[in-house]
Structures are given as C-alpha cells and as structure tokens.
Amino acid sequence: MKRFRTIIPIAVAILAIAPALAQGPKVDLIQLNPPTMTGSCPATAHFTGRIRTTGPLEVTYEELRSDGSSTQHTFVAQHAETMHFSKNWTVSKTYSGWMQLVILSPKRLQTVKQPFSVHCGK
C-alpha cells in the first residue's frame, strides 16, 4: 500500500507536466514572398521567405517548382530563430510558373504557391 501512495503523486505530477513537455520547440511560421523579377530574357525570379522555430529544432524543408524540380534542405536551429530563405530561378523563355516551400519535418506545413510569369519578346 505504501508503494501506491508514493507512485500516485509521482504519476499525477508527470501527467500534469506531460502536455508542456510534449509541445516542446516547434516550427510556427513559414512564408514565401512573391518573387521580384529582374532583367529581360533570360530573366531571374528572386524568391525570399522564412521559417521560424520556437526553440532548438531540426527542420527539413523542400523547395517545389512548377517545372517539376524539387530540392530538399535541412537546417538545425540552436535556439528560437528565423531561417531566411533566398532562391533565384532563371528562365530563358516565356514561362508562367510557381514556387512553394514545404516543411517535411518535424510537422508538415506549406506555403501557398507563389506564381510568376516571364514574357520574352516575340
């Protein structure tokens, strides 16, 4: 009986703090800004964005493009921080497309697809 008297308060304490421990650091913001365009053809679409963590965390994300290419990256946040994203996409012909950021882990999040268009002369 003494054992149960000791175990029950410990179990109650663990249950009380478990939700806080389970939350831990997380990814809480992902943003991809509309591109800025430079030059005539070939033209460059410059995308910027950010991913923010609320504490130390490893984040894996992917850049998706409308031409079917994708690139996966991982960064390790040492503390609550914002990782800034910058990507250029050079297009040599008339083209309409989009880019999107997708967080793969620790939980899946994604931006809206940011469209852009390049119109090359005749």
PDB file of N, CA and C in Angstrom:
ATOM      1  N   MET A   1       0.812  -1.191   0.000  1.00  0.00           N
ATOM      2  CA  MET A   1       0.000   0.000   0.000  1.00  0.00           C
ATOM      3  C   MET A   1       0.860   1.261   0.000  1.00  0.00           C
ATOM      4  N   LYS A   2       2.005   1.218   0.733  1.00  0.00           N
ATOM      5  CA  LYS A   2       2.897   2.368   0.770  1.00  0.00           C
ATOM      6  C   LYS A   2       3.421   2.700  -0.619  1.00  0.00           C
ATOM      7  N   ARG A   3       3.703   1.654  -1.407  1.00  0.00           N
ATOM      8  CA  ARG A   3       4.195   1.877  -2.756  1.00  0.00           C
ATOM      9  C   ARG A   3       3.222   2.710  -3.577  1.00  0.00           C
ATOM     10  N   PHE A   4       1.944   2.384  -3.519  1.00  0.00           N
ATOM     11  CA  PHE A   4       0.943   3.114  -4.279  1.00  0.00           C
ATOM     12  C   PHE A   4       0.831   4.559  -3.823  1.00  0.00           C
ATOM     13  N   ARG A   5       0.992   4.808  -2.534  1.00  0.00           N
ATOM     14  CA  ARG A   5       0.945   6.181  -2.018  1.00  0.00           C
ATOM     15  C   ARG A   5       2.099   7.008  -2.577  1.00  0.00           C
ATOM     16  N   THR A   6       3.229   6.371  -2.839  1.00  0.00           N
ATOM     17  CA  THR A   6       4.381   7.061  -3.402  1.00  0.00           C
ATOM     18  C   THR A   6       4.233   7.227  -4.907  1.00  0.00           C
ATOM     19  N   ILE A   7       3.756   6.206  -5.575  1.00  0.00           N
ATOM     20  CA  ILE A   7       3.649   6.216  -7.035  1.00  0.00           C
ATOM     21  C   ILE A   7       2.552   7.163  -7.508  1.00  0.00           C
ATOM     22  N   ILE A   8       1.439   7.209  -6.848  1.00  0.00           N
ATOM     23  CA  ILE A   8       0.310   8.029  -7.302  1.00  0.00           C
ATOM     24  C   ILE A   8       0.684   9.511  -7.387  1.00  0.00           C
ATOM     25  N   PRO A   9       1.298  10.131  -6.382  1.00  0.00           N
ATOM     26  CA  PRO A   9       1.672  11.542  -6.534  1.00  0.00           C
ATOM     27  C   PRO A   9       2.667  11.779  -7.669  1.00  0.00           C
ATOM     28  N   ILE A  10       3.588  10.838  -7.867  1.00  0.00           N
ATOM     29  CA  ILE A  10       4.548  10.973  -8.964  1.00  0.00           C
ATOM     30  C   ILE A  10       3.826  10.884 -10.298  1.00  0.00           C
ATOM     31  N   ALA A  11       2.907   9.944 -10.443  1.00  0.00           N
ATOM     32  CA  ALA A  11       2.140   9.793 -11.683  1.00  0.00           C
ATOM     33  C   ALA A  11       1.298  11.024 -11.961  1.00  0.00           C
ATOM     34  N   VAL A  12       0.691  11.584 -10.944  1.00  0.00           N
ATOM     35  CA  VAL A  12      -0.115  12.802 -11.105  1.00  0.00           C
ATOM     36  C   VAL A  12       0.768  13.962 -11.560  1.00  0.00           C
ATOM     37  N   ALA A  13       1.960  14.088 -10.988  1.00  0.00           N
ATOM     38  CA  ALA A  13       2.883  15.156 -11.372  1.00  0.00           C
ATOM     39  C   ALA A  13       3.323  14.997 -12.828  1.00  0.00           C
ATOM     40  N   ILE A  14       3.619  13.777 -13.235  1.00  0.00           N
ATOM     41  CA  ILE A  14       4.029  13.528 -14.622  1.00  0.00           C
ATOM     42  C   ILE A  14       2.897  13.869 -15.581  1.00  0.00           C
ATOM     43  N   LEU A  15       1.693  13.463 -15.269  1.00  0.00           N
ATOM     44  CA  LEU A  15       0.542  13.784 -16.124  1.00  0.00           C
ATOM     45  C   LEU A  15       0.307  15.282 -16.200  1.00  0.00           C
ATOM     46  N   ALA A  16       0.582  15.997 -15.136  1.00  0.00           N
ATOM     47  CA  ALA A  16       0.367  17.440 -15.120  1.00  0.00           C
ATOM     48  C   ALA A  16       1.342  18.179 -16.034  1.00  0.00           C
ATOM     49  N   ILE A  17       2.601  17.711 -16.114  1.00  0.00           N
ATOM     50  CA  ILE A  17       3.576  18.423 -16.946  1.00  0.00           C
ATOM     51  C   ILE A  17       3.728  17.820 -18.336  1.00  0.00           C
ATOM     52  N   ALA A  18       3.158  16.670 -18.595  1.00  0.00           N
ATOM     53  CA  ALA A  18       3.316  15.994 -19.886  1.00  0.00           C
ATOM     54  C   ALA A  18       2.895  16.857 -21.074  1.00  0.00           C
ATOM     55  N   PRO A  19       1.755  17.570 -21.026  1.00  0.00           N
ATOM     56  CA  PRO A  19       1.398  18.385 -22.186  1.00  0.00           C
ATOM     57  C   PRO A  19       2.455  19.441 -22.515  1.00  0.00           C
ATOM     58  N   ALA A  20       3.039  20.070 -21.517  1.00  0.00           N
ATOM     59  CA  ALA A  20       4.074  21.078 -21.765  1.00  0.00           C
ATOM     60  C   ALA A  20       5.314  20.443 -22.367  1.00  0.00           C
ATOM     61  N   LEU A  21       5.706  19.266 -21.868  1.00  0.00           N
ATOM     62  CA  LEU A  21       6.872  18.586 -22.401  1.00  0.00           C
ATOM     63  C   LEU A  21       6.636  18.112 -23.826  1.00  0.00           C
ATOM     64  N   ALA A  22       5.437  17.665 -24.117  1.00  0.00           N
ATOM     65  CA  ALA A  22       5.123  17.146 -25.450  1.00  0.00           C
ATOM     66  C   ALA A  22       5.159  18.239 -26.506  1.00  0.00           C
ATOM     67  N   GLN A  23       4.819  19.467 -26.133  1.00  0.00           N
ATOM     68  CA  GLN A  23       4.797  20.550 -27.113  1.00  0.00           C
ATOM     69  C   GLN A  23       6.204  20.889 -27.578  1.00  0.00           C
ATOM     70  N   GLY A  24       7.110  21.127 -26.653  1.00  0.00           N
ATOM     71  CA  GLY A  24       8.497  21.406 -26.987  1.00  0.00           C
ATOM     72  C   GLY A  24       8.645  22.451 -28.078  1.00  0.00           C
ATOM     73  N   PRO A  25       9.854  22.577 -28.643  1.00  0.00           N
ATOM     74  CA  PRO A  25      10.078  23.515 -29.736  1.00  0.00           C
ATOM     75  C   PRO A  25       9.276  23.094 -30.957  1.00  0.00           C
ATOM     76  N   LYS A  26       8.898  24.061 -31.769  1.00  0.00           N
ATOM     77  CA  LYS A  26       8.131  23.751 -32.966  1.00  0.00           C
ATOM     78  C   LYS A  26       8.397  24.759 -34.055  1.00  0.00           C
ATOM     79  N   VAL A  27       7.976  24.423 -35.238  1.00  0.00           N
ATOM     80  CA  VAL A  27       8.002  25.340 -36.364  1.00  0.00           C
ATOM     81  C   VAL A  27       6.680  26.082 -36.320  1.00  0.00           C
ATOM     82  N   ASP A  28       6.725  27.405 -36.276  1.00  0.00           N
ATOM     83  CA  ASP A  28       5.460  28.112 -36.136  1.00  0.00           C
ATOM     84  C   ASP A  28       5.189  29.146 -37.218  1.00  0.00           C
ATOM     85  N   LEU A  29       6.096  29.287 -38.181  1.00  0.00           N
ATOM     86  CA  LEU A  29       5.831  30.234 -39.258  1.00  0.00           C
ATOM     87  C   LEU A  29       6.584  29.792 -40.491  1.00  0.00           C
ATOM     88  N   ILE A  30       5.912  29.819 -41.608  1.00  0.00           N
ATOM     89  CA  ILE A  30       6.564  29.568 -42.883  1.00  0.00           C
ATOM     90  C   ILE A  30       5.983  30.560 -43.867  1.00  0.00           C
ATOM     91  N   GLN A  31       6.850  31.215 -44.618  1.00  0.00           N
ATOM     92  CA  GLN A  31       6.384  32.254 -45.533  1.00  0.00           C
ATOM     93  C   GLN A  31       7.248  32.249 -46.779  1.00  0.00           C
ATOM     94  N   LEU A  32       6.626  32.399 -47.924  1.00  0.00           N
ATOM     95  CA  LEU A  32       7.329  32.594 -49.186  1.00  0.00           C
ATOM     96  C   LEU A  32       6.751  33.846 -49.810  1.00  0.00           C
ATOM     97  N   ASN A  33       7.589  34.854 -49.990  1.00  0.00           N
ATOM     98  CA  ASN A  33       7.133  36.133 -50.540  1.00  0.00           C
ATOM     99  C   ASN A  33       7.011  36.055 -52.056  1.00  0.00           C
ATOM    100  N   PRO A  34       6.141  36.879 -52.642  1.00  0.00           N
ATOM    101  CA  PRO A  34       6.060  36.924 -54.108  1.00  0.00           C
ATOM    102  C   PRO A  34       7.422  37.276 -54.686  1.00  0.00           C
ATOM    103  N   PRO A  35       7.748  36.732 -55.848  1.00  0.00           N
ATOM    104  CA  PRO A  35       9.075  36.964 -56.408  1.00  0.00           C
ATOM    105  C   PRO A  35       9.251  38.380 -56.937  1.00  0.00           C
ATOM    106  N   THR A  36      10.499  38.834 -56.955  1.00  0.00           N
ATOM    107  CA  THR A  36      10.856  40.046 -57.683  1.00  0.00           C
ATOM    108  C   THR A  36      11.490  39.581 -58.981  1.00  0.00           C
ATOM    109  N   MET A  37      11.265  40.301 -60.043  1.00  0.00           N
ATOM    110  CA  MET A  37      11.774  39.906 -61.356  1.00  0.00           C
ATOM    111  C   MET A  37      12.850  40.891 -61.792  1.00  0.00           C
ATOM    112  N   THR A  38      13.908  40.367 -62.401  1.00  0.00           N
ATOM    113  CA  THR A  38      14.961  41.231 -62.924  1.00  0.00           C
ATOM    114  C   THR A  38      15.330  40.817 -64.332  1.00  0.00           C
ATOM    115  N   GLY A  39      15.630  41.819 -65.150  1.00  0.00           N
ATOM    116  CA  GLY A  39      16.161  41.599 -66.487  1.00  0.00           C
ATOM    117  C   GLY A  39      15.157  41.149 -67.519  1.00  0.00           C
ATOM    118  N   SER A  40      15.594  41.254 -68.773  1.00  0.00           N
ATOM    119  CA  SER A  40      14.825  40.677 -69.864  1.00  0.00           C
ATOM    120  C   SER A  40      15.352  39.258 -70.040  1.00  0.00           C
ATOM    121  N   CYS A  41      14.845  38.540 -71.010  1.00  0.00           N
ATOM    122  CA  CYS A  41      15.224  37.134 -71.139  1.00  0.00           C
ATOM    123  C   CYS A  41      16.696  36.975 -71.469  1.00  0.00           C
ATOM    124  N   PRO A  42      17.400  36.128 -70.750  1.00  0.00           N
ATOM    125  CA  PRO A  42      16.876  35.356 -69.636  1.00  0.00           C
ATOM    126  C   PRO A  42      16.562  36.252 -68.427  1.00  0.00           C
ATOM    127  N   ALA A  43      15.481  35.928 -67.738  1.00  0.00           N
ATOM    128  CA  ALA A  43      15.031  36.703 -66.577  1.00  0.00           C
ATOM    129  C   ALA A  43      15.200  35.858 -65.318  1.00  0.00           C
ATOM    130  N   THR A  44      15.356  36.547 -64.187  1.00  0.00           N
ATOM    131  CA  THR A  44      15.523  35.849 -62.921  1.00  0.00           C
ATOM    132  C   THR A  44      14.386  36.202 -61.975  1.00  0.00           C
ATOM    133  N   ALA A  45      13.716  35.178 -61.471  1.00  0.00           N
ATOM    134  CA  ALA A  45      12.700  35.355 -60.418  1.00  0.00           C
ATOM    135  C   ALA A  45      13.423  35.121 -59.096  1.00  0.00           C
ATOM    136  N   HIS A  46      13.379  36.092 -58.207  1.00  0.00           N
ATOM    137  CA  HIS A  46      14.067  36.001 -56.913  1.00  0.00           C
ATOM    138  C   HIS A  46      13.014  35.811 -55.823  1.00  0.00           C
ATOM    139  N   PHE A  47      13.048  34.657 -55.160  1.00  0.00           N
ATOM    140  CA  PHE A  47      12.101  34.330 -54.101  1.00  0.00           C
ATOM    141  C   PHE A  47      12.774  34.472 -52.746  1.00  0.00           C
ATOM    142  N   THR A  48      12.057  35.005 -51.775  1.00  0.00           N
ATOM    143  CA  THR A  48      12.543  35.069 -50.403  1.00  0.00           C
ATOM    144  C   THR A  48      11.448  34.569 -49.476  1.00  0.00           C
ATOM    145  N   GLY A  49      11.842  34.132 -48.315  1.00  0.00           N
ATOM    146  CA  GLY A  49      10.868  33.660 -47.344  1.00  0.00           C
ATOM    147  C   GLY A  49      11.555  33.390 -46.025  1.00  0.00           C
ATOM    148  N   ARG A  50      10.814  32.785 -45.099  1.00  0.00           N
ATOM    149  CA  ARG A  50      11.401  32.470 -43.800  1.00  0.00           C
ATOM    150  C   ARG A  50      10.656  31.320 -43.142  1.00  0.00           C
ATOM    151  N   ILE A  51      11.408  30.646 -42.288  1.00  0.00           N
ATOM    152  CA  ILE A  51      10.874  29.582 -41.442  1.00  0.00           C
ATOM    153  C   ILE A  51      11.340  29.910 -40.030  1.00  0.00           C
ATOM    154  N   ARG A  52      10.434  29.901 -39.064  1.00  0.00           N
ATOM    155  CA  ARG A  52      10.795  30.267 -37.697  1.00  0.00           C
ATOM    156  C   ARG A  52      10.554  29.096 -36.758  1.00  0.00           C
ATOM    157  N   THR A  53      11.481  28.906 -35.807  1.00  0.00           N
ATOM    158  CA  THR A  53      11.322  27.891 -34.778  1.00  0.00           C
ATOM    159  C   THR A  53      11.172  28.568 -33.430  1.00  0.00           C
ATOM    160  N   THR A  54      10.570  27.865 -32.495  1.00  0.00           N
ATOM    161  CA  THR A  54      10.379  28.415 -31.151  1.00  0.00           C
ATOM    162  C   THR A  54      11.402  27.871 -30.163  1.00  0.00           C
ATOM    163  N   GLY A  55      12.394  27.153 -30.659  1.00  0.00           N
ATOM    164  CA  GLY A  55      13.446  26.601 -29.809  1.00  0.00           C
ATOM    165  C   GLY A  55      14.355  25.724 -30.631  1.00  0.00           C
ATOM    166  N   PRO A  56      15.308  25.036 -30.004  1.00  0.00           N
ATOM    167  CA  PRO A  56      16.225  24.170 -30.739  1.00  0.00           C
ATOM    168  C   PRO A  56      15.447  23.078 -31.480  1.00  0.00           C
ATOM    169  N   LEU A  57      15.754  22.919 -32.754  1.00  0.00           N
ATOM    170  CA  LEU A  57      14.960  22.006 -33.569  1.00  0.00           C
ATOM    171  C   LEU A  57      15.647  21.759 -34.902  1.00  0.00           C
ATOM    172  N   GLU A  58      15.520  20.550 -35.442  1.00  0.00           N
ATOM    173  CA  GLU A  58      15.971  20.250 -36.795  1.00  0.00           C
ATOM    174  C   GLU A  58      14.766  20.329 -37.719  1.00  0.00           C
ATOM    175  N   VAL A  59      14.887  21.091 -38.789  1.00  0.00           N
ATOM    176  CA  VAL A  59      13.783  21.290 -39.729  1.00  0.00           C
ATOM    177  C   VAL A  59      14.224  20.845 -41.121  1.00  0.00           C
ATOM    178  N   THR A  60      13.429  20.003 -41.742  1.00  0.00           N
ATOM    179  CA  THR A  60      13.673  19.592 -43.124  1.00  0.00           C
ATOM    180  C   THR A  60      12.577  20.197 -43.986  1.00  0.00           C
ATOM    181  N   TYR A  61      12.995  20.895 -45.044  1.00  0.00           N
ATOM    182  CA  TYR A  61      12.017  21.519 -45.935  1.00  0.00           C
ATOM    183  C   TYR A  61      12.401  21.268 -47.381  1.00  0.00           C
ATOM    184  N   GLU A  62      11.450  21.515 -48.265  1.00  0.00           N
ATOM    185  CA  GLU A  62      11.639  21.261 -49.681  1.00  0.00           C
ATOM    186  C   GLU A  62      11.174  22.467 -50.480  1.00  0.00           C
ATOM    187  N   GLU A  63      11.928  22.782 -51.524  1.00  0.00           N
ATOM    188  CA  GLU A  63      11.517  23.797 -52.498  1.00  0.00           C
ATOM    189  C   GLU A  63      10.873  23.054 -53.654  1.00  0.00           C
ATOM    190  N   LEU A  64       9.628  23.368 -53.952  1.00  0.00           N
ATOM    191  CA  LEU A  64       8.935  22.742 -55.087  1.00  0.00           C
ATOM    192  C   LEU A  64       8.749  23.777 -56.174  1.00  0.00           C
ATOM    193  N   ARG A  65       8.950  23.371 -57.433  1.00  0.00           N
ATOM    194  CA  ARG A  65       8.780  24.282 -58.567  1.00  0.00           C
ATOM    195  C   ARG A  65       7.821  23.672 -59.577  1.00  0.00           C
ATOM    196  N   SER A  66       7.149  24.546 -60.299  1.00  0.00           N
ATOM    197  CA  SER A  66       6.161  24.100 -61.282  1.00  0.00           C
ATOM    198  C   SER A  66       6.784  23.330 -62.440  1.00  0.00           C
ATOM    199  N   ASP A  67       8.096  23.444 -62.649  1.00  0.00           N
ATOM    200  CA  ASP A  67       8.736  22.690 -63.734  1.00  0.00           C
ATOM    201  C   ASP A  67       9.065  21.248 -63.312  1.00  0.00           C
ATOM    202  N   GLY A  68       8.639  20.875 -62.084  1.00  0.00           N
ATOM    203  CA  GLY A  68       8.816  19.516 -61.615  1.00  0.00           C
ATOM    204  C   GLY A  68      10.057  19.303 -60.762  1.00  0.00           C
ATOM    205  N   SER A  69      10.925  20.295 -60.670  1.00  0.00           N
ATOM    206  CA  SER A  69      12.123  20.099 -59.854  1.00  0.00           C
ATOM    207  C   SER A  69      11.829  20.381 -58.378  1.00  0.00           C
ATOM    208  N   SER A  70      12.606  19.755 -57.532  1.00  0.00           N
ATOM    209  CA  SER A  70      12.478  19.991 -56.097  1.00  0.00           C
ATOM    210  C   SER A  70      13.848  19.802 -55.461  1.00  0.00           C
ATOM    211  N   THR A  71      14.074  20.529 -54.380  1.00  0.00           N
ATOM    212  CA  THR A  71      15.323  20.438 -53.645  1.00  0.00           C
ATOM    213  C   THR A  71      14.996  20.378 -52.169  1.00  0.00           C
ATOM    214  N   GLN A  72      15.597  19.416 -51.482  1.00  0.00           N
ATOM    215  CA  GLN A  72      15.339  19.239 -50.050  1.00  0.00           C
ATOM    216  C   GLN A  72      16.529  19.767 -49.256  1.00  0.00           C
ATOM    217  N   HIS A  73      16.240  20.441 -48.130  1.00  0.00           N
ATOM    218  CA  HIS A  73      17.258  21.017 -47.262  1.00  0.00           C
ATOM    219  C   HIS A  73      16.924  20.711 -45.810  1.00  0.00           C
ATOM    220  N   THR A  74      17.958  20.697 -44.961  1.00  0.00           N
ATOM    221  CA  THR A  74      17.771  20.558 -43.522  1.00  0.00           C
ATOM    222  C   THR A  74      18.594  21.636 -42.836  1.00  0.00           C
ATOM    223  N   PHE A  75      18.003  22.287 -41.835  1.00  0.00           N
ATOM    224  CA  PHE A  75      18.782  23.199 -41.013  1.00  0.00           C
ATOM    225  C   PHE A  75      18.496  22.896 -39.553  1.00  0.00           C
ATOM    226  N   VAL A  76      19.476  23.179 -38.727  1.00  0.00           N
ATOM    227  CA  VAL A  76      19.356  22.923 -37.297  1.00  0.00           C
ATOM    228  C   VAL A  76      19.347  24.263 -36.583  1.00  0.00           C
ATOM    229  N   ALA A  77      18.235  24.557 -35.925  1.00  0.00           N
ATOM    230  CA  ALA A  77      18.127  25.771 -35.122  1.00  0.00           C
ATOM    231  C   ALA A  77      18.715  25.472 -33.749  1.00  0.00           C
ATOM    232  N   GLN A  78      19.635  26.304 -33.297  1.00  0.00           N
ATOM    233  CA  GLN A  78      20.261  26.115 -31.988  1.00  0.00           C
ATOM    234  C   GLN A  78      19.398  26.669 -30.859  1.00  0.00           C
ATOM    235  N   HIS A  79      18.475  27.555 -31.205  1.00  0.00           N
ATOM    236  CA  HIS A  79      17.571  28.203 -30.258  1.00  0.00           C
ATOM    237  C   HIS A  79      16.405  28.739 -31.067  1.00  0.00           C
ATOM    238  N   ALA A  80      15.502  29.449 -30.445  1.00  0.00           N
ATOM    239  CA  ALA A  80      14.404  30.058 -31.204  1.00  0.00           C
ATOM    240  C   ALA A  80      15.030  31.001 -32.227  1.00  0.00           C
ATOM    241  N   GLU A  81      14.756  30.780 -33.496  1.00  0.00           N
ATOM    242  CA  GLU A  81      15.362  31.615 -34.527  1.00  0.00           C
ATOM    243  C   GLU A  81      14.558  31.562 -35.820  1.00  0.00           C
ATOM    244  N   THR A  82      14.894  32.482 -36.709  1.00  0.00           N
ATOM    245  CA  THR A  82      14.267  32.542 -38.019  1.00  0.00           C
ATOM    246  C   THR A  82      15.311  32.216 -39.076  1.00  0.00           C
ATOM    247  N   MET A  83      15.010  31.247 -39.930  1.00  0.00           N
ATOM    248  CA  MET A  83      15.873  30.881 -41.037  1.00  0.00           C
ATOM    249  C   MET A  83      15.343  31.610 -42.266  1.00  0.00           C
ATOM    250  N   HIS A  84      16.194  32.423 -42.882  1.00  0.00           N
ATOM    251  CA  HIS A  84      15.788  33.171 -44.067  1.00  0.00           C
ATOM    252  C   HIS A  84      16.124  32.367 -45.320  1.00  0.00           C
ATOM    253  N   PHE A  85      15.202  32.381 -46.251  1.00  0.00           N
ATOM    254  CA  PHE A  85      15.276  31.596 -47.481  1.00  0.00           C
ATOM    255  C   PHE A  85      15.448  32.551 -48.656  1.00  0.00           C
ATOM    256  N   SER A  86      16.317  32.221 -49.581  1.00  0.00           N
ATOM    257  CA  SER A  86      16.516  33.027 -50.779  1.00  0.00           C
ATOM    258  C   SER A  86      16.840  32.087 -51.936  1.00  0.00           C
ATOM    259  N   LYS A  87      16.131  32.240 -53.034  1.00  0.00           N
ATOM    260  CA  LYS A  87      16.339  31.349 -54.178  1.00  0.00           C
ATOM    261  C   LYS A  87      16.103  32.111 -55.477  1.00  0.00           C
ATOM    262  N   ASN A  88      17.027  31.968 -56.417  1.00  0.00           N
ATOM    263  CA  ASN A  88      16.858  32.533 -57.753  1.00  0.00           C
ATOM    264  C   ASN A  88      16.477  31.433 -58.728  1.00  0.00           C
ATOM    265  N   TRP A  89      15.584  31.769 -59.640  1.00  0.00           N
ATOM    266  CA  TRP A  89      15.185  30.846 -60.701  1.00  0.00           C
ATOM    267  C   TRP A  89      15.304  31.620 -62.007  1.00  0.00           C
ATOM    268  N   THR A  90      16.248  31.223 -62.841  1.00  0.00           N
ATOM    269  CA  THR A  90      16.470  31.906 -64.113  1.00  0.00           C
ATOM    270  C   THR A  90      15.707  31.186 -65.216  1.00  0.00           C
ATOM    271  N   VAL A  91      14.981  31.979 -65.994  1.00  0.00           N
ATOM    272  CA  VAL A  91      14.131  31.449 -67.067  1.00  0.00           C
ATOM    273  C   VAL A  91      14.570  32.088 -68.380  1.00  0.00           C
ATOM    274  N   SER A  92      14.780  31.268 -69.422  1.00  0.00           N
ATOM    275  CA  SER A  92      15.300  31.755 -70.703  1.00  0.00           C
ATOM    276  C   SER A  92      14.242  31.953 -71.774  1.00  0.00           C
ATOM    277  N   LYS A  93      12.998  31.577 -71.469  1.00  0.00           N
ATOM    278  CA  LYS A  93      11.932  31.703 -72.469  1.00  0.00           C
ATOM    279  C   LYS A  93      10.642  32.123 -71.772  1.00  0.00           C
ATOM    280  N   THR A  94       9.638  32.473 -72.544  1.00  0.00           N
ATOM    281  CA  THR A  94       8.347  32.838 -71.971  1.00  0.00           C
ATOM    282  C   THR A  94       7.847  31.672 -71.129  1.00  0.00           C
ATOM    283  N   TYR A  95       7.484  31.984 -69.889  1.00  0.00           N
ATOM    284  CA  TYR A  95       7.109  30.919 -68.961  1.00  0.00           C
ATOM    285  C   TYR A  95       6.250  31.477 -67.842  1.00  0.00           C
ATOM    286  N   SER A  96       5.241  30.733 -67.431  1.00  0.00           N
ATOM    287  CA  SER A  96       4.451  31.041 -66.240  1.00  0.00           C
ATOM    288  C   SER A  96       4.582  29.855 -65.306  1.00  0.00           C
ATOM    289  N   GLY A  97       4.943  30.124 -64.057  1.00  0.00           N
ATOM    290  CA  GLY A  97       5.142  29.029 -63.121  1.00  0.00           C
ATOM    291  C   GLY A  97       4.947  29.467 -61.690  1.00  0.00           C
ATOM    292  N   TRP A  98       5.413  28.656 -60.766  1.00  0.00           N
ATOM    293  CA  TRP A  98       5.280  28.937 -59.336  1.00  0.00           C
ATOM    294  C   TRP A  98       6.376  28.227 -58.552  1.00  0.00           C
ATOM    295  N   MET A  99       6.577  28.695 -57.332  1.00  0.00           N
ATOM    296  CA  MET A  99       7.465  28.037 -56.376  1.00  0.00           C
ATOM    297  C   MET A  99       6.715  27.932 -55.061  1.00  0.00           C
ATOM    298  N   GLN A 100       7.035  26.894 -54.283  1.00  0.00           N
ATOM    299  CA  GLN A 100       6.376  26.660 -52.998  1.00  0.00           C
ATOM    300  C   GLN A 100       7.393  26.071 -52.028  1.00  0.00           C
ATOM    301  N   LEU A 101       7.302  26.449 -50.739  1.00  0.00           N
ATOM    302  CA  LEU A 101       8.096  25.829 -49.683  1.00  0.00           C
ATOM    303  C   LEU A 101       7.210  24.874 -48.904  1.00  0.00           C
ATOM    304  N   VAL A 102       7.734  23.678 -48.618  1.00  0.00           N
ATOM    305  CA  VAL A 102       7.000  22.690 -47.842  1.00  0.00           C
ATOM    306  C   VAL A 102       7.912  22.189 -46.720  1.00  0.00           C
ATOM    307  N   ILE A 103       7.470  22.329 -45.479  1.00  0.00           N
ATOM    308  CA  ILE A 103       8.206  21.750 -44.362  1.00  0.00           C
ATOM    309  C   ILE A 103       7.792  20.287 -44.271  1.00  0.00           C
ATOM    310  N   LEU A 104       8.778  19.405 -44.278  1.00  0.00           N
ATOM    311  CA  LEU A 104       8.524  17.967 -44.216  1.00  0.00           C
ATOM    312  C   LEU A 104       8.566  17.447 -42.781  1.00  0.00           C
ATOM    313  N   SER A 105       9.461  18.026 -41.962  1.00  0.00           N
ATOM    314  CA  SER A 105       9.523  17.623 -40.560  1.00  0.00           C
ATOM    315  C   SER A 105      10.076  18.786 -39.737  1.00  0.00           C
ATOM    316  N   PRO A 106       9.662  18.962 -38.520  1.00  0.00           N
ATOM    317  CA  PRO A 106       9.032  17.985 -37.646  1.00  0.00           C
ATOM    318  C   PRO A 106       7.527  17.828 -37.884  1.00  0.00           C
ATOM    319  N   LYS A 107       6.883  18.753 -38.569  1.00  0.00           N
ATOM    320  CA  LYS A 107       5.490  18.563 -38.961  1.00  0.00           C
ATOM    321  C   LYS A 107       5.314  19.183 -40.331  1.00  0.00           C
ATOM    322  N   ARG A 108       4.363  18.692 -41.073  1.00  0.00           N
ATOM    323  CA  ARG A 108       4.161  19.161 -42.445  1.00  0.00           C
ATOM    324  C   ARG A 108       3.397  20.486 -42.457  1.00  0.00           C
ATOM    325  N   LEU A 109       4.019  21.482 -43.097  1.00  0.00           N
ATOM    326  CA  LEU A 109       3.418  22.798 -43.337  1.00  0.00           C
ATOM    327  C   LEU A 109       3.793  23.206 -44.748  1.00  0.00           C
ATOM    328  N   GLN A 110       3.014  24.074 -45.349  1.00  0.00           N
ATOM    329  CA  GLN A 110       3.386  24.548 -46.676  1.00  0.00           C
ATOM    330  C   GLN A 110       2.884  25.958 -46.919  1.00  0.00           C
ATOM    331  N   THR A 111       3.603  26.656 -47.790  1.00  0.00           N
ATOM    332  CA  THR A 111       3.183  27.985 -48.204  1.00  0.00           C
ATOM    333  C   THR A 111       2.201  27.834 -49.362  1.00  0.00           C
ATOM    334  N   VAL A 112       1.576  28.918 -49.722  1.00  0.00           N
ATOM    335  CA  VAL A 112       0.809  28.932 -50.966  1.00  0.00           C
ATOM    336  C   VAL A 112       1.817  28.935 -52.107  1.00  0.00           C
ATOM    337  N   LYS A 113       1.416  28.526 -53.272  1.00  0.00           N
ATOM    338  CA  LYS A 113       2.280  28.568 -54.449  1.00  0.00           C
ATOM    339  C   LYS A 113       2.398  30.029 -54.891  1.00  0.00           C
ATOM    340  N   GLN A 114       3.625  30.516 -55.004  1.00  0.00           N
ATOM    341  CA  GLN A 114       3.854  31.893 -55.434  1.00  0.00           C
ATOM    342  C   GLN A 114       4.079  31.903 -56.947  1.00  0.00           C
ATOM    343  N   PRO A 115       3.123  32.471 -57.690  1.00  0.00           N
ATOM    344  CA  PRO A 115       3.224  32.451 -59.152  1.00  0.00           C
ATOM    345  C   PRO A 115       4.146  33.551 -59.679  1.00  0.00           C
ATOM    346  N   PHE A 116       4.648  33.336 -60.897  1.00  0.00           N
ATOM    347  CA  PHE A 116       5.393  34.364 -61.617  1.00  0.00           C
ATOM    348  C   PHE A 116       5.258  34.093 -63.109  1.00  0.00           C
ATOM    349  N   SER A 117       5.498  35.123 -63.890  1.00  0.00           N
ATOM    350  CA  SER A 117       5.435  34.992 -65.355  1.00  0.00           C
ATOM    351  C   SER A 117       6.597  35.747 -65.973  1.00  0.00           C
ATOM    352  N   VAL A 118       7.165  35.161 -67.019  1.00  0.00           N
ATOM    353  CA  VAL A 118       8.212  35.794 -67.797  1.00  0.00           C
ATOM    354  C   VAL A 118       7.701  35.859 -69.231  1.00  0.00           C
ATOM    355  N   HIS A 119       7.786  37.041 -69.830  1.00  0.00           N
ATOM    356  CA  HIS A 119       7.368  37.204 -71.232  1.00  0.00           C
ATOM    357  C   HIS A 119       8.571  37.683 -72.023  1.00  0.00           C
ATOM    358  N   CYS A 120       9.030  36.850 -72.935  1.00  0.00           N
ATOM    359  CA  CYS A 120      10.214  37.153 -73.730  1.00  0.00           C
ATOM    360  C   CYS A 120       9.805  37.594 -75.128  1.00  0.00           C
ATOM    361  N   GLY A 121       9.965  38.850 -75.421  1.00  0.00           N
ATOM    362  CA  GLY A 121       9.785  39.390 -76.770  1.00  0.00           C
ATOM    363  C   GLY A 121       8.810  38.659 -77.652  1.00  0.00           C
ATOM    364  N   LYS A 122       9.158  38.558 -78.930  1.00  0.00           N
ATOM    365  CA  LYS A 122       8.261  37.969 -79.918  1.00  0.00           C
ATOM    366  C   LYS A 122       8.358  36.491 -79.987  1.00  0.00           C
TER     367      LYS A 122
END
